[in-house]
């Protein structure tokens, strides 16, 4: 079924405007998140240097969390893909920080420590599963884009796959 050329032209313009608006919001939000991560990391470093005079293991692991968050934002900025593995790494680091803090304050074995350790183990296994799954079963979207790329500035639609 053929559409009126004027309607197609309007749809094209609206498509371009929508893509531009989404991309602008995307970059603005990522920039703000990146700035907040950097600000928090700098605040933590200044606090360590001025108030505490030394860095505890909690502080170092917190800086690793900031590093991983920054890396995740950087990868998302470059690829527009959220690496799930980084979220799992952050969770493992946060649980490790909690475990170390719990051990430092209580100085005794506790069921909480077993639960935290088990959670870390489950997350580590999930990373193995995610890595294996991404190696064994590559992204279908990536394969379709590789074989039949959508023209730049055009929103992918279901009918694009039918034409391929």
N, C-alpha and C. Protein backbone atom coordinates (compact mmCIF):
# COMPACT_ATOMS: atom_id res chain seq x y z
N UNK A 1 0.83 -1.17 0.00
CA UNK A 1 0.00 0.00 0.00
C UNK A 1 0.89 1.24 0.00
N UNK A 2 0.73 2.11 -0.99
CA UNK A 2 1.53 3.31 -1.10
C UNK A 2 0.94 4.43 -0.26
N UNK A 3 1.84 5.16 0.39
CA UNK A 3 1.42 6.30 1.20
C UNK A 3 1.57 7.56 0.38
N UNK A 4 0.87 8.58 0.83
CA UNK A 4 1.00 9.90 0.23
C UNK A 4 2.44 10.39 0.46
N UNK A 5 3.13 10.89 -0.58
CA UNK A 5 4.52 11.34 -0.42
C UNK A 5 4.67 12.43 0.64
N UNK A 6 3.65 13.25 0.82
CA UNK A 6 3.73 14.31 1.85
C UNK A 6 3.76 13.69 3.24
N UNK A 7 2.97 12.66 3.45
CA UNK A 7 2.94 12.00 4.76
C UNK A 7 4.27 11.31 5.02
N UNK A 8 4.84 10.68 3.98
CA UNK A 8 6.14 10.03 4.14
C UNK A 8 7.21 11.06 4.49
N UNK A 9 7.15 12.24 3.87
CA UNK A 9 8.13 13.29 4.14
C UNK A 9 7.99 13.78 5.58
N UNK A 10 6.77 13.95 6.05
CA UNK A 10 6.53 14.39 7.42
C UNK A 10 7.03 13.31 8.40
N UNK A 11 6.74 12.05 8.08
CA UNK A 11 7.21 10.96 8.94
C UNK A 11 8.74 10.94 9.02
N UNK A 12 9.41 11.18 7.89
CA UNK A 12 10.86 11.22 7.86
C UNK A 12 11.41 12.34 8.74
N UNK A 13 10.78 13.51 8.63
CA UNK A 13 11.22 14.66 9.43
C UNK A 13 11.00 14.38 10.92
N UNK A 14 9.83 13.84 11.25
CA UNK A 14 9.54 13.52 12.65
C UNK A 14 10.46 12.43 13.18
N UNK A 15 10.77 11.45 12.34
CA UNK A 15 11.72 10.41 12.71
C UNK A 15 13.08 11.01 13.05
N UNK A 16 13.59 11.89 12.19
CA UNK A 16 14.88 12.53 12.42
C UNK A 16 14.85 13.36 13.70
N UNK A 17 13.77 14.12 13.90
CA UNK A 17 13.66 14.94 15.10
C UNK A 17 13.59 14.06 16.35
N UNK A 18 12.81 12.99 16.30
CA UNK A 18 12.70 12.08 17.44
C UNK A 18 14.03 11.44 17.77
N UNK A 19 14.74 10.97 16.74
CA UNK A 19 16.06 10.37 16.96
C UNK A 19 17.03 11.38 17.56
N UNK A 20 17.00 12.60 17.07
CA UNK A 20 17.87 13.65 17.58
C UNK A 20 17.54 13.96 19.05
N UNK A 21 16.25 14.07 19.38
CA UNK A 21 15.83 14.36 20.75
C UNK A 21 16.25 13.24 21.70
N UNK A 22 16.05 12.00 21.29
CA UNK A 22 16.42 10.86 22.14
C UNK A 22 17.94 10.82 22.32
N UNK A 23 18.68 11.02 21.25
CA UNK A 23 20.13 10.99 21.34
C UNK A 23 20.66 12.13 22.20
N UNK A 24 20.07 13.31 22.08
CA UNK A 24 20.50 14.45 22.90
C UNK A 24 20.25 14.17 24.38
N UNK A 25 19.06 13.65 24.69
CA UNK A 25 18.76 13.31 26.09
C UNK A 25 19.71 12.23 26.60
N UNK A 26 19.96 11.25 25.75
CA UNK A 26 20.85 10.14 26.10
C UNK A 26 22.23 10.67 26.48
N UNK A 27 22.82 11.51 25.64
CA UNK A 27 24.14 12.04 25.91
C UNK A 27 24.15 12.98 27.11
N UNK A 28 23.13 13.78 27.26
CA UNK A 28 23.04 14.69 28.40
C UNK A 28 22.96 13.90 29.71
N UNK A 29 22.11 12.88 29.73
CA UNK A 29 21.97 12.06 30.94
C UNK A 29 23.28 11.33 31.26
N UNK A 30 23.93 10.77 30.25
CA UNK A 30 25.21 10.09 30.49
C UNK A 30 26.28 11.05 30.98
N UNK A 31 26.28 12.26 30.43
CA UNK A 31 27.25 13.27 30.86
C UNK A 31 27.02 13.64 32.33
N UNK A 32 25.76 13.83 32.71
CA UNK A 32 25.43 14.17 34.10
C UNK A 32 25.82 13.02 35.03
N UNK A 33 25.50 11.80 34.65
CA UNK A 33 25.85 10.64 35.48
C UNK A 33 27.38 10.54 35.62
N UNK A 34 28.10 10.72 34.52
CA UNK A 34 29.57 10.69 34.57
C UNK A 34 30.13 11.77 35.48
N UNK A 35 29.57 12.96 35.42
CA UNK A 35 30.01 14.05 36.29
C UNK A 35 29.74 13.73 37.76
N UNK A 36 28.58 13.14 38.03
CA UNK A 36 28.24 12.78 39.41
C UNK A 36 29.19 11.70 39.95
N UNK A 37 29.55 10.75 39.12
CA UNK A 37 30.50 9.72 39.54
C UNK A 37 31.86 10.35 39.84
N UNK A 38 32.33 11.21 38.94
CA UNK A 38 33.62 11.88 39.15
C UNK A 38 33.59 12.75 40.40
N UNK A 39 32.50 13.48 40.59
CA UNK A 39 32.36 14.35 41.76
C UNK A 39 32.39 13.53 43.05
N UNK A 40 31.68 12.41 43.07
CA UNK A 40 31.66 11.56 44.25
C UNK A 40 33.05 10.97 44.53
N UNK A 41 33.74 10.55 43.47
CA UNK A 41 35.09 9.99 43.64
C UNK A 41 36.04 11.05 44.18
N UNK A 42 35.99 12.24 43.63
CA UNK A 42 36.85 13.32 44.11
C UNK A 42 36.52 13.65 45.57
N UNK A 43 35.24 13.72 45.90
CA UNK A 43 34.83 13.99 47.28
C UNK A 43 35.38 12.92 48.23
N UNK A 44 35.32 11.67 47.83
CA UNK A 44 35.84 10.58 48.65
C UNK A 44 37.35 10.71 48.82
N UNK A 45 38.06 11.03 47.75
CA UNK A 45 39.51 11.18 47.82
C UNK A 45 39.89 12.35 48.73
N UNK A 46 39.20 13.48 48.59
CA UNK A 46 39.47 14.64 49.44
C UNK A 46 39.20 14.30 50.90
N UNK A 47 38.11 13.58 51.15
CA UNK A 47 37.79 13.17 52.53
C UNK A 47 38.88 12.26 53.09
N UNK A 48 39.37 11.33 52.29
CA UNK A 48 40.43 10.43 52.74
C UNK A 48 41.69 11.23 53.07
N UNK A 49 42.05 12.17 52.20
CA UNK A 49 43.29 12.92 52.38
C UNK A 49 43.22 13.93 53.52
N UNK A 50 42.05 14.51 53.75
CA UNK A 50 41.95 15.58 54.75
C UNK A 50 41.43 15.11 56.10
N UNK A 51 40.41 14.29 56.12
CA UNK A 51 39.78 13.90 57.37
C UNK A 51 40.40 12.63 57.94
N UNK A 52 40.52 11.61 57.12
CA UNK A 52 40.94 10.30 57.62
C UNK A 52 42.45 10.12 57.70
N UNK A 53 43.19 10.80 56.85
CA UNK A 53 44.65 10.71 56.79
C UNK A 53 45.17 9.38 56.23
N UNK A 54 44.30 8.40 56.05
CA UNK A 54 44.69 7.13 55.42
C UNK A 54 43.45 6.52 54.77
N UNK A 55 43.68 5.63 53.84
CA UNK A 55 42.56 4.98 53.15
C UNK A 55 42.35 3.60 53.72
N UNK A 56 41.13 3.35 54.17
CA UNK A 56 40.80 2.01 54.65
C UNK A 56 40.44 1.14 53.44
N UNK A 57 40.31 -0.14 53.68
CA UNK A 57 39.92 -1.05 52.59
C UNK A 57 38.53 -0.68 52.07
N UNK A 58 37.64 -0.21 52.96
CA UNK A 58 36.32 0.26 52.54
C UNK A 58 36.43 1.40 51.53
N UNK A 59 37.33 2.34 51.82
CA UNK A 59 37.51 3.49 50.93
C UNK A 59 38.06 3.06 49.57
N UNK A 60 39.01 2.15 49.59
CA UNK A 60 39.61 1.67 48.34
C UNK A 60 38.58 0.93 47.50
N UNK A 61 37.78 0.09 48.14
CA UNK A 61 36.74 -0.63 47.40
C UNK A 61 35.67 0.34 46.88
N UNK A 62 35.38 1.39 47.64
CA UNK A 62 34.44 2.40 47.16
C UNK A 62 35.00 3.08 45.91
N UNK A 63 36.30 3.37 45.90
CA UNK A 63 36.92 3.95 44.71
C UNK A 63 36.86 2.99 43.53
N UNK A 64 36.98 1.69 43.78
CA UNK A 64 36.83 0.70 42.71
C UNK A 64 35.40 0.72 42.16
N UNK A 65 34.43 0.89 43.04
CA UNK A 65 33.05 0.98 42.58
C UNK A 65 32.88 2.19 41.67
N UNK A 66 33.46 3.33 42.07
CA UNK A 66 33.40 4.52 41.21
C UNK A 66 34.08 4.27 39.87
N UNK A 67 35.21 3.57 39.91
CA UNK A 67 35.93 3.25 38.67
C UNK A 67 35.07 2.39 37.75
N UNK A 68 34.43 1.38 38.31
CA UNK A 68 33.59 0.49 37.51
C UNK A 68 32.37 1.23 36.96
N UNK A 69 31.78 2.10 37.77
CA UNK A 69 30.64 2.90 37.29
C UNK A 69 31.09 3.81 36.15
N UNK A 70 32.26 4.43 36.31
CA UNK A 70 32.78 5.30 35.24
C UNK A 70 33.06 4.53 33.97
N UNK A 71 33.64 3.33 34.11
CA UNK A 71 33.91 2.49 32.93
C UNK A 71 32.60 2.10 32.25
N UNK A 72 31.59 1.77 33.06
CA UNK A 72 30.30 1.37 32.50
C UNK A 72 29.67 2.53 31.73
N UNK A 73 29.74 3.74 32.29
CA UNK A 73 29.20 4.91 31.59
C UNK A 73 29.98 5.16 30.30
N UNK A 74 31.30 5.02 30.37
CA UNK A 74 32.13 5.22 29.17
C UNK A 74 31.80 4.23 28.07
N UNK A 75 31.63 2.97 28.43
CA UNK A 75 31.28 1.96 27.43
C UNK A 75 29.90 2.24 26.87
N UNK A 76 28.97 2.62 27.72
CA UNK A 76 27.61 2.91 27.27
C UNK A 76 27.62 4.13 26.36
N UNK A 77 28.48 5.12 26.66
CA UNK A 77 28.61 6.31 25.84
C UNK A 77 29.08 5.95 24.43
N UNK A 78 30.05 5.05 24.36
CA UNK A 78 30.65 4.70 23.07
C UNK A 78 29.82 3.72 22.26
N UNK A 79 29.15 2.78 22.93
CA UNK A 79 28.51 1.69 22.19
C UNK A 79 26.99 1.68 22.25
N UNK A 80 26.40 2.47 23.14
CA UNK A 80 24.94 2.47 23.37
C UNK A 80 24.44 1.10 23.85
N UNK A 81 25.32 0.32 24.46
CA UNK A 81 24.95 -0.97 25.03
C UNK A 81 25.34 -0.98 26.51
N UNK A 82 24.43 -1.44 27.35
CA UNK A 82 24.72 -1.53 28.78
C UNK A 82 25.35 -2.89 29.06
N UNK A 83 26.62 -2.90 29.43
CA UNK A 83 27.27 -4.17 29.73
C UNK A 83 26.79 -4.71 31.09
N UNK A 84 26.00 -5.75 31.06
CA UNK A 84 25.44 -6.33 32.28
C UNK A 84 26.56 -6.80 33.20
N UNK A 85 27.65 -7.27 32.63
CA UNK A 85 28.76 -7.75 33.45
C UNK A 85 29.26 -6.68 34.41
N UNK A 86 29.30 -5.42 33.95
CA UNK A 86 29.80 -4.36 34.82
C UNK A 86 28.88 -4.16 36.02
N UNK A 87 27.59 -4.29 35.81
CA UNK A 87 26.66 -4.19 36.94
C UNK A 87 26.92 -5.31 37.94
N UNK A 88 27.23 -6.49 37.44
CA UNK A 88 27.53 -7.62 38.33
C UNK A 88 28.86 -7.38 39.04
N UNK A 89 29.86 -6.84 38.34
CA UNK A 89 31.14 -6.52 38.99
C UNK A 89 30.93 -5.51 40.12
N UNK A 90 30.10 -4.52 39.86
CA UNK A 90 29.82 -3.51 40.89
C UNK A 90 29.14 -4.16 42.09
N UNK A 91 28.20 -5.05 41.84
CA UNK A 91 27.52 -5.75 42.93
C UNK A 91 28.51 -6.59 43.73
N UNK A 92 29.41 -7.28 43.05
CA UNK A 92 30.42 -8.09 43.74
C UNK A 92 31.32 -7.20 44.60
N UNK A 93 31.76 -6.09 44.05
CA UNK A 93 32.62 -5.17 44.80
C UNK A 93 31.87 -4.61 46.01
N UNK A 94 30.60 -4.25 45.83
CA UNK A 94 29.81 -3.72 46.95
C UNK A 94 29.62 -4.77 48.03
N UNK A 95 29.35 -6.01 47.63
CA UNK A 95 29.20 -7.09 48.63
C UNK A 95 30.53 -7.40 49.32
N UNK A 96 31.63 -7.33 48.59
CA UNK A 96 32.94 -7.54 49.19
C UNK A 96 33.22 -6.45 50.21
N UNK A 97 32.87 -5.23 49.86
CA UNK A 97 33.04 -4.10 50.79
C UNK A 97 32.21 -4.33 52.05
N UNK A 98 30.97 -4.78 51.87
CA UNK A 98 30.10 -5.07 53.01
C UNK A 98 30.67 -6.20 53.86
N UNK A 99 31.18 -7.24 53.21
CA UNK A 99 31.76 -8.38 53.93
C UNK A 99 32.97 -7.95 54.76
N UNK A 100 33.85 -7.20 54.16
CA UNK A 100 35.06 -6.74 54.87
C UNK A 100 34.68 -5.83 56.03
N UNK A 101 33.74 -4.94 55.79
CA UNK A 101 33.29 -4.05 56.86
C UNK A 101 32.67 -4.84 58.01
N UNK A 102 31.87 -5.84 57.67
CA UNK A 102 31.23 -6.68 58.68
C UNK A 102 32.28 -7.43 59.50
N UNK A 103 33.28 -7.97 58.84
CA UNK A 103 34.34 -8.71 59.54
C UNK A 103 35.16 -7.76 60.43
N UNK A 104 35.46 -6.55 59.93
CA UNK A 104 36.24 -5.60 60.72
C UNK A 104 35.51 -5.17 61.98
N UNK A 105 34.20 -5.03 61.90
CA UNK A 105 33.45 -4.52 63.05
C UNK A 105 33.05 -5.60 64.03
N UNK A 106 32.72 -6.81 63.56
CA UNK A 106 32.25 -7.87 64.45
C UNK A 106 33.35 -8.81 64.92
N UNK A 107 34.37 -9.03 64.13
CA UNK A 107 35.49 -9.92 64.45
C UNK A 107 35.05 -11.34 64.81
N UNK A 108 33.93 -11.80 64.25
CA UNK A 108 33.49 -13.16 64.52
C UNK A 108 32.68 -13.68 63.33
N UNK A 109 32.66 -14.99 63.20
CA UNK A 109 31.89 -15.62 62.12
C UNK A 109 30.40 -15.42 62.40
N UNK A 110 29.67 -15.23 61.31
CA UNK A 110 28.25 -14.90 61.45
C UNK A 110 27.51 -15.46 60.22
N UNK A 111 26.23 -15.70 60.37
CA UNK A 111 25.42 -16.19 59.23
C UNK A 111 25.37 -15.14 58.12
N UNK A 112 25.44 -13.85 58.50
CA UNK A 112 25.44 -12.78 57.48
C UNK A 112 26.63 -12.92 56.54
N UNK A 113 27.77 -13.29 57.10
CA UNK A 113 28.98 -13.44 56.28
C UNK A 113 28.84 -14.61 55.31
N UNK A 114 28.18 -15.66 55.73
CA UNK A 114 27.95 -16.80 54.84
C UNK A 114 26.99 -16.40 53.72
N UNK A 115 25.96 -15.65 54.06
CA UNK A 115 25.00 -15.18 53.05
C UNK A 115 25.68 -14.26 52.05
N UNK A 116 26.49 -13.34 52.53
CA UNK A 116 27.19 -12.40 51.63
C UNK A 116 28.17 -13.17 50.73
N UNK A 117 28.91 -14.10 51.32
CA UNK A 117 29.86 -14.90 50.55
C UNK A 117 29.13 -15.74 49.49
N UNK A 118 28.01 -16.34 49.88
CA UNK A 118 27.21 -17.09 48.91
C UNK A 118 26.69 -16.20 47.79
N UNK A 119 26.30 -14.99 48.13
CA UNK A 119 25.82 -14.04 47.11
C UNK A 119 26.94 -13.69 46.13
N UNK A 120 28.14 -13.49 46.66
CA UNK A 120 29.29 -13.20 45.78
C UNK A 120 29.55 -14.37 44.85
N UNK A 121 29.47 -15.58 45.39
CA UNK A 121 29.67 -16.78 44.57
C UNK A 121 28.62 -16.87 43.47
N UNK A 122 27.36 -16.63 43.81
CA UNK A 122 26.28 -16.67 42.82
C UNK A 122 26.52 -15.63 41.73
N UNK A 123 26.94 -14.41 42.12
CA UNK A 123 27.22 -13.37 41.12
C UNK A 123 28.41 -13.75 40.24
N UNK A 124 29.44 -14.36 40.82
CA UNK A 124 30.59 -14.79 40.02
C UNK A 124 30.17 -15.86 39.00
N UNK A 125 29.34 -16.79 39.43
CA UNK A 125 28.83 -17.81 38.51
C UNK A 125 27.97 -17.16 37.42
N UNK A 126 27.21 -16.15 37.80
CA UNK A 126 26.38 -15.47 36.79
C UNK A 126 27.24 -14.77 35.74
N UNK A 127 28.39 -14.25 36.14
CA UNK A 127 29.30 -13.65 35.16
C UNK A 127 29.78 -14.72 34.18
N UNK A 128 30.13 -15.89 34.69
CA UNK A 128 30.54 -16.98 33.81
C UNK A 128 29.42 -17.34 32.83
N UNK A 129 28.21 -17.40 33.32
CA UNK A 129 27.08 -17.74 32.46
C UNK A 129 26.86 -16.67 31.40
N UNK A 130 26.92 -15.40 31.80
CA UNK A 130 26.73 -14.30 30.84
C UNK A 130 27.84 -14.32 29.80
N UNK A 131 29.09 -14.52 30.23
CA UNK A 131 30.21 -14.56 29.28
C UNK A 131 30.06 -15.73 28.31
N UNK A 132 29.70 -16.90 28.83
CA UNK A 132 29.53 -18.07 27.98
C UNK A 132 28.37 -17.85 27.01
N UNK A 133 27.25 -17.32 27.51
CA UNK A 133 26.08 -17.11 26.65
C UNK A 133 26.38 -16.10 25.55
N UNK A 134 27.10 -15.03 25.87
CA UNK A 134 27.41 -14.03 24.83
C UNK A 134 28.41 -14.58 23.82
N UNK A 135 29.26 -15.52 24.24
CA UNK A 135 30.19 -16.13 23.29
C UNK A 135 29.48 -17.18 22.44
N UNK A 136 28.67 -18.01 23.08
CA UNK A 136 28.01 -19.10 22.38
C UNK A 136 26.83 -18.62 21.53
N UNK A 137 26.08 -17.65 22.05
CA UNK A 137 24.89 -17.14 21.37
C UNK A 137 25.01 -15.63 21.19
N UNK A 138 25.73 -15.19 20.15
CA UNK A 138 25.91 -13.75 19.95
C UNK A 138 24.56 -13.05 19.75
N UNK A 139 24.58 -11.76 19.99
CA UNK A 139 23.36 -10.97 19.90
C UNK A 139 22.75 -11.04 18.51
N UNK A 140 21.45 -11.34 18.45
CA UNK A 140 20.73 -11.41 17.18
C UNK A 140 20.70 -10.04 16.54
N UNK A 141 20.53 -9.01 17.34
CA UNK A 141 20.48 -7.64 16.83
C UNK A 141 21.79 -7.31 16.13
N UNK A 142 22.91 -7.69 16.74
CA UNK A 142 24.21 -7.41 16.14
C UNK A 142 24.33 -8.11 14.80
N UNK A 143 23.89 -9.35 14.72
CA UNK A 143 23.99 -10.09 13.46
C UNK A 143 23.10 -9.45 12.39
N UNK A 144 21.88 -9.05 12.73
CA UNK A 144 20.99 -8.44 11.74
C UNK A 144 21.55 -7.11 11.27
N UNK A 145 22.09 -6.31 12.21
CA UNK A 145 22.66 -5.03 11.81
C UNK A 145 23.87 -5.23 10.92
N UNK A 146 24.62 -6.29 11.20
CA UNK A 146 25.81 -6.56 10.40
C UNK A 146 25.41 -6.95 8.98
N UNK A 147 24.40 -7.82 8.85
CA UNK A 147 23.99 -8.28 7.52
C UNK A 147 23.19 -7.21 6.78
N UNK A 148 22.28 -6.54 7.46
CA UNK A 148 21.40 -5.54 6.83
C UNK A 148 21.35 -4.31 7.70
N UNK A 149 22.35 -3.44 7.61
CA UNK A 149 22.36 -2.27 8.48
C UNK A 149 21.20 -1.31 8.17
N UNK A 150 20.67 -0.73 9.23
CA UNK A 150 19.63 0.29 9.08
C UNK A 150 20.33 1.60 8.75
N UNK A 151 19.86 2.34 7.74
CA UNK A 151 20.52 3.60 7.38
C UNK A 151 20.59 4.55 8.58
N UNK A 152 21.69 5.30 8.67
CA UNK A 152 21.90 6.23 9.77
C UNK A 152 20.76 7.25 9.83
N UNK A 153 20.26 7.47 11.02
CA UNK A 153 19.20 8.45 11.21
C UNK A 153 17.80 7.89 11.01
N UNK A 154 17.69 6.60 10.69
CA UNK A 154 16.37 5.99 10.48
C UNK A 154 16.08 5.05 11.63
N UNK A 155 14.89 5.12 12.14
CA UNK A 155 14.48 4.23 13.22
C UNK A 155 14.20 2.85 12.66
N UNK A 156 14.81 1.78 13.24
CA UNK A 156 14.51 0.44 12.76
C UNK A 156 13.04 0.08 12.99
N UNK A 157 12.42 -0.53 12.03
CA UNK A 157 11.01 -0.93 12.13
C UNK A 157 10.88 -2.39 11.79
N UNK A 158 9.80 -3.03 12.23
CA UNK A 158 9.62 -4.46 11.93
C UNK A 158 9.63 -4.77 10.45
N UNK A 159 9.09 -3.87 9.64
CA UNK A 159 9.04 -4.15 8.20
C UNK A 159 10.43 -4.15 7.56
N UNK A 160 11.42 -3.54 8.22
CA UNK A 160 12.79 -3.57 7.70
C UNK A 160 13.32 -4.99 7.66
N UNK A 161 12.98 -5.79 8.68
CA UNK A 161 13.41 -7.19 8.71
C UNK A 161 12.73 -8.01 7.63
N UNK A 162 11.48 -7.67 7.32
CA UNK A 162 10.74 -8.41 6.30
C UNK A 162 11.34 -8.19 4.91
N UNK A 163 11.90 -6.99 4.70
CA UNK A 163 12.48 -6.68 3.40
C UNK A 163 13.80 -7.39 3.18
N UNK A 164 14.47 -7.72 4.26
CA UNK A 164 15.81 -8.30 4.17
C UNK A 164 15.79 -9.72 3.68
